[in-house]
Protein backbone atom coordinates (compact mmCIF):
# COMPACT_ATOMS: atom_id res chain seq x y z
CA MET A 1 180.06 64.44 106.68
CA ASN A 2 183.26 63.90 104.66
CA GLU A 3 184.86 66.56 102.45
CA SER A 4 183.38 65.38 99.15
CA ASN A 5 179.90 65.16 100.63
CA ARG A 6 180.17 68.66 102.12
CA GLU A 7 181.23 70.04 98.77
CA ALA A 8 178.41 68.25 96.94
CA SER A 9 175.90 69.56 99.49
CA ALA A 10 177.19 73.12 99.08
CA ILE A 11 177.03 72.89 95.29
CA GLU A 12 173.44 71.66 95.47
CA GLY A 13 172.50 74.42 97.91
CA PHE A 14 174.03 77.25 95.93
CA GLY A 15 172.74 75.76 92.69
CA SER A 16 169.18 75.69 94.01
CA LEU A 17 169.37 79.44 94.64
CA ALA A 18 170.68 80.22 91.16
CA GLN A 19 167.20 80.68 89.72
CA GLN A 20 164.95 83.74 89.93
CA THR A 21 161.74 82.10 91.22
CA ARG A 22 163.52 79.95 93.83
CA LEU A 23 165.53 82.91 95.07
CA ALA A 24 162.31 84.95 95.39
CA ALA A 25 160.59 82.10 97.28
CA VAL A 26 163.47 81.85 99.73
CA ARG A 27 163.42 85.60 100.35
CA HIS A 28 159.68 85.50 101.10
CA LEU A 29 160.12 82.58 103.49
CA LEU A 30 163.01 84.23 105.29
CA ALA A 31 160.94 87.40 105.64
CA VAL A 32 158.29 85.57 107.69
CA HIS A 33 160.56 83.12 109.53
CA PRO A 34 159.89 81.31 111.86
CA GLU A 35 156.36 81.27 110.38
CA SER A 36 155.58 79.05 107.40
CA LEU A 37 153.62 79.74 104.21
CA PRO A 38 151.38 77.45 102.11
CA ALA A 39 152.74 76.57 98.69
CA GLY A 40 149.85 78.40 97.04
CA GLU A 41 150.62 81.61 98.90
CA ILE A 42 154.29 81.42 97.90
CA ALA A 43 153.16 80.92 94.30
CA ARG A 44 150.99 84.03 94.53
CA LEU A 45 153.82 86.11 95.98
CA CYS A 46 156.21 84.90 93.24
CA GLU A 47 153.52 85.26 90.56
CA VAL A 48 153.91 81.74 89.16
CA PRO A 49 151.42 78.83 88.75
CA HIS A 50 150.93 76.55 91.76
CA ASN A 51 152.32 73.45 90.05
CA THR A 52 155.44 75.33 88.93
CA MET A 53 156.01 76.59 92.46
CA SER A 54 155.70 73.07 93.86
CA THR A 55 158.54 71.95 91.60
CA HIS A 56 160.77 74.81 92.76
CA LEU A 57 159.96 74.18 96.42
CA GLY A 58 160.84 70.51 95.97
CA ILE A 59 164.30 71.51 94.71
CA LEU A 60 164.84 73.84 97.68
CA ASN A 61 163.65 71.13 100.07
CA ARG A 62 166.07 68.57 98.65
CA ALA A 63 168.87 71.13 98.97
CA GLY A 64 168.06 71.50 102.66
CA LEU A 65 167.07 75.17 102.46
CA VAL A 66 163.35 74.79 103.21
CA SER A 67 161.39 72.32 105.29
CA VAL A 68 157.85 71.14 104.58
CA GLU A 69 155.00 70.06 106.82
CA LYS A 70 151.42 69.02 106.16
CA ASP A 71 148.56 71.03 107.69
CA GLY A 72 145.30 69.33 106.78
CA ARG A 73 145.22 69.41 103.00
CA SER A 74 147.85 72.17 102.77
CA MET A 75 151.60 71.79 102.42
CA ASN A 76 153.35 74.51 104.39
CA TYR A 77 156.97 75.53 103.83
CA ARG A 78 159.43 77.16 106.23
CA ALA A 79 162.96 78.50 105.65
CA ASP A 80 165.56 76.15 107.12
CA VAL A 81 168.05 78.55 108.69
CA ASP A 82 170.41 75.72 109.60
CA GLY A 83 170.75 74.96 105.91
CA PHE A 84 171.64 78.56 105.12
CA ARG A 85 174.06 78.68 108.02
CA GLY A 86 175.77 75.61 106.62
CA LEU A 87 176.32 77.34 103.28
CA LEU A 88 177.82 80.38 104.98
CA GLU A 89 180.08 78.22 107.10
CA PHE A 90 181.27 76.40 103.98
CA LEU A 91 182.27 79.71 102.40
CA SER A 92 183.90 81.15 105.50
CA GLN A 93 185.79 78.03 106.62
CA ASP A 94 186.59 76.24 103.37
CA CYS A 95 186.67 78.76 100.57
CA CYS A 96 188.44 81.42 102.65
CA HIS A 97 190.91 78.87 104.04
CA GLY A 98 190.58 80.17 107.57
CA ARG A 99 191.23 83.79 106.54
CA PRO A 100 188.08 85.67 107.69
CA GLU A 101 189.70 89.02 106.80
CA LEU A 102 188.97 88.20 103.16
CA CYS A 103 185.28 88.58 103.83
CA GLY A 104 185.37 91.30 106.48
CA ASP A 105 182.49 91.01 108.95
CA ALA A 106 180.02 89.48 106.47
CA PHE A 107 179.87 86.18 108.34
CA GLU A 108 179.19 87.79 111.69
CA LEU A 109 175.75 88.90 110.51
CA PRO A 110 174.00 85.50 110.71
CA SER A 111 175.03 84.97 114.34
CA GLN A 112 173.81 88.48 115.22
CA ALA A 113 170.47 87.78 113.56
CA VAL A 114 170.10 84.48 115.40
CA ALA A 115 170.86 86.15 118.72
CA ALA A 116 168.10 88.69 118.12
CA GLU A 117 165.56 86.09 117.04
CA PRO A 118 163.82 85.46 120.41
CA THR A 119 162.86 89.12 120.73
CA ALA A 120 162.17 89.80 117.03
CA LYS A 121 158.72 91.01 116.11
CA PHE A 122 157.03 89.47 113.11
CA ILE A 123 154.22 90.85 111.03
CA THR A 124 150.83 89.39 111.91
CA PRO A 125 149.82 86.98 109.13
CA ALA A 126 147.22 88.43 106.78
CA PHE A 127 143.71 87.00 106.39
CA ASN A 128 143.07 85.18 103.11
CA VAL A 129 139.69 86.10 101.63
CA LEU A 130 138.08 84.43 98.60
CA PHE A 131 135.24 86.20 96.78
CA LEU A 132 133.04 83.80 94.88
CA CYS A 133 130.41 84.48 92.21
CA THR A 134 129.09 82.68 89.16
CA GLN A 135 131.49 83.65 86.36
CA ASN A 136 134.27 85.45 88.24
CA SER A 137 134.10 88.16 85.61
CA ALA A 138 132.75 91.25 87.39
CA ARG A 139 131.53 91.32 91.01
CA SER A 140 134.21 89.08 92.52
CA ILE A 141 136.88 90.70 90.34
CA MET A 142 135.88 94.12 91.69
CA ALA A 143 135.88 92.79 95.26
CA GLU A 144 139.37 91.28 94.85
CA ALA A 145 140.76 94.56 93.52
CA LEU A 146 139.07 96.62 96.23
CA LEU A 147 140.20 94.44 99.14
CA GLU A 148 143.79 94.39 97.89
CA LYS A 149 143.75 98.19 97.95
CA ILE A 150 141.69 98.80 101.10
CA GLY A 151 143.15 95.89 103.09
CA ARG A 152 146.64 97.46 102.96
CA GLY A 153 148.47 94.16 103.52
CA ARG A 154 146.23 92.95 106.37
CA PHE A 155 144.15 90.95 103.89
CA ARG A 156 145.06 88.92 100.83
CA ALA A 157 142.28 88.92 98.27
CA TYR A 158 141.36 86.16 95.82
CA SER A 159 138.38 85.56 93.55
CA ALA A 160 136.88 82.64 91.65
CA GLY A 161 133.70 81.47 89.96
CA SER A 162 131.51 78.39 90.14
CA HIS A 163 131.24 78.54 86.32
CA PRO A 164 134.08 80.87 85.32
CA ALA A 165 134.06 82.96 82.17
CA ARG A 166 137.00 82.99 79.78
CA GLU A 167 137.98 86.48 80.95
CA PRO A 168 136.70 89.37 83.07
CA VAL A 169 134.17 91.78 81.59
CA PRO A 170 136.25 94.40 79.69
CA GLU A 171 134.13 97.26 81.04
CA VAL A 172 134.90 96.14 84.59
CA ILE A 173 138.65 96.08 83.95
CA GLU A 174 138.44 99.52 82.33
CA ARG A 175 136.56 100.98 85.29
CA LEU A 176 139.03 99.48 87.79
CA LYS A 177 141.94 100.93 85.81
CA ALA A 178 140.25 104.33 85.73
CA LEU A 179 139.75 104.16 89.50
CA GLY A 180 143.43 103.51 90.16
CA HIS A 181 143.50 99.73 90.72
CA ASP A 182 146.23 97.33 89.65
CA VAL A 183 144.52 94.92 87.24
CA SER A 184 147.60 93.06 86.02
CA ARG A 185 146.80 89.85 87.93
CA LEU A 186 143.02 89.84 87.64
CA HIS A 187 141.67 86.92 85.63
CA SER A 188 138.66 84.58 85.66
CA LYS A 189 139.21 81.17 87.23
CA SER A 190 137.37 78.25 88.81
CA TRP A 191 137.10 77.96 92.54
CA ASP A 192 138.33 74.38 92.09
CA GLU A 193 141.82 75.95 92.06
CA PHE A 194 141.36 76.70 95.76
CA LYS A 195 140.49 73.14 96.80
CA GLY A 196 143.85 71.42 96.26
CA PRO A 197 146.63 70.83 98.81
CA ASP A 198 148.83 73.54 97.28
CA ALA A 199 146.11 76.21 97.33
CA PRO A 200 146.21 79.08 99.83
CA ARG A 201 144.20 78.26 102.92
CA MET A 202 141.19 80.57 103.11
CA ASP A 203 140.10 82.32 106.28
CA PHE A 204 136.91 83.73 104.74
CA ILE A 205 134.85 82.90 101.67
CA ILE A 206 132.26 85.49 100.65
CA ALA A 207 129.62 84.63 98.04
CA LEU A 208 128.43 87.52 95.85
CA CYS A 209 125.86 85.60 93.77
CA ASP A 210 122.49 87.29 93.36
CA ALA A 211 120.55 84.62 95.28
CA PRO A 212 117.31 86.68 95.58
CA ASN A 213 117.12 86.62 91.76
CA GLY A 214 117.91 82.94 91.30
CA GLN A 215 121.74 82.89 91.21
CA PHE A 216 123.39 80.37 93.51
CA CYS A 217 127.06 79.75 94.16
CA ALA A 218 128.60 76.36 94.82
CA ASP A 219 128.21 74.80 98.27
CA LEU A 220 131.01 76.23 100.37
CA GLY A 221 130.87 73.60 103.11
CA VAL A 222 131.21 74.27 106.83
CA GLN A 223 134.99 74.40 107.23
CA PHE A 224 135.24 78.09 106.31
CA VAL A 225 133.89 81.29 107.82
CA THR A 226 131.50 82.29 105.06
CA GLY A 227 129.24 85.19 104.26
CA ALA A 228 126.65 86.04 101.61
CA TRP A 229 126.70 89.46 99.98
CA PRO A 230 124.15 89.16 97.15
CA LEU A 231 124.84 91.74 94.44
CA PRO A 232 123.32 92.43 91.00
CA ASP A 233 124.99 90.72 88.04
CA PRO A 234 126.51 93.20 85.55
CA ALA A 235 125.74 90.71 82.79
CA GLN A 236 122.10 91.71 83.28
CA PHE A 237 122.77 95.46 82.98
CA LYS A 238 120.94 97.02 80.05
CA GLY A 239 121.01 100.39 78.34
CA SER A 240 123.52 102.63 76.64
CA PRO A 241 127.25 102.55 77.41
CA THR A 242 126.78 105.60 79.63
CA GLU A 243 123.95 103.92 81.55
CA ARG A 244 125.99 100.73 81.97
CA THR A 245 128.94 102.73 83.28
CA THR A 246 126.63 104.37 85.82
CA LEU A 247 125.43 100.96 86.98
CA LEU A 248 129.00 99.67 87.25
CA ASN A 249 129.94 102.70 89.34
CA GLU A 250 126.99 101.99 91.65
CA LEU A 251 128.04 98.33 91.96
CA TYR A 252 131.62 99.39 92.73
CA ALA A 253 130.34 101.70 95.48
CA MET A 254 128.22 98.91 96.98
CA ILE A 255 131.17 96.53 97.12
CA ARG A 256 133.53 99.19 98.44
CA ARG A 257 131.16 100.06 101.29
CA ARG A 258 130.87 96.42 102.36
CA ILE A 259 134.62 95.87 102.24
CA GLU A 260 135.27 99.01 104.27
CA ILE A 261 132.96 97.67 106.98
CA PHE A 262 134.48 94.17 106.76
CA THR A 263 138.08 95.37 107.13
CA SER A 264 137.15 97.46 110.18
CA LEU A 265 135.69 94.51 112.15
CA PRO A 266 137.41 93.78 115.50
CA PHE A 267 138.53 90.26 114.50
CA ASP A 268 140.61 89.78 117.66
CA SER A 269 137.53 90.08 119.88
CA LEU A 270 135.01 88.12 117.78
CA ASP A 271 134.51 84.35 117.76
CA ARG A 272 133.69 82.36 114.62
CA MET A 273 129.91 82.61 114.99
CA ALA A 274 130.08 86.34 115.68
CA VAL A 275 132.19 86.93 112.58
CA LYS A 276 129.74 84.86 110.50
CA ALA A 277 126.84 86.95 111.81
CA ARG A 278 128.64 90.21 111.04
CA LEU A 279 129.49 89.03 107.52
CA ASP A 280 125.83 88.33 106.81
CA GLU A 281 124.84 91.68 108.29
CA ILE A 282 127.24 93.40 105.90
CA GLY A 283 125.55 91.62 102.98
CA ASP A 284 122.05 92.66 104.08
CA THR A 285 121.05 95.32 101.56
CA THR A 286 118.52 96.72 104.02
CA ARG A 287 121.38 97.52 106.43
CA VAL A 288 124.18 98.59 104.09
CA SER A 289 123.56 101.32 101.56
CA PRO A 290 125.82 102.17 98.63
């Protein structure tokens, strides 16, 4: 590569990092390297819409700082360490004019990190779990908030509805706030958002629709490990505000108990069919009490 091309490549690389969302995406990808992340998961971590994240990832890819590969319908992205190494070499060799003392030992760090890479330990990827109900306004919202708190980083929780409401039930959000949950990212959405190539790839989908009383969720297909945890619909709760709060507290306790059992399953020693059976056992109201 000639001098002008090297300079143009460096300008593009540094320019691609000069934006908050792209810099955050790169930091997340470097944190899990050599593993990759789906575009939808990077969007969730950076708290931006999927389509916006795809644009940013395209810029980083063209700058040679991330690579992309297709996994089924998902597009997975991985930090390209060679690209980063090239930027550092440009600074140390060209900008410093062969005078490494100007930068101290800053440029020794990448080579040390690379040397340690074969023995580095990486965090086990978390399970992605999607809770599905009719309107994504109460039950699945509660489940998402609970799993995020109880899962402690081992699980990533999502929720959606087959016929989503415009927003979660205000009483549900108030109860979750009162019980110490972060509700800033909770909102009602269609499960169609989780079907596209940029969506996070789900490990488990758990339907919370009240099937015994005539509520049915969308067909989940056979490609996911699924479970059915039928729960009463808060939209049907009657009575005074105090009575409704009591019912919401009971629903919260029911969901919490199921999630506590779910997160304690020995996933490493169970095959797909065994996990499916355990999920359905958890949803059996005759087995699991509030």
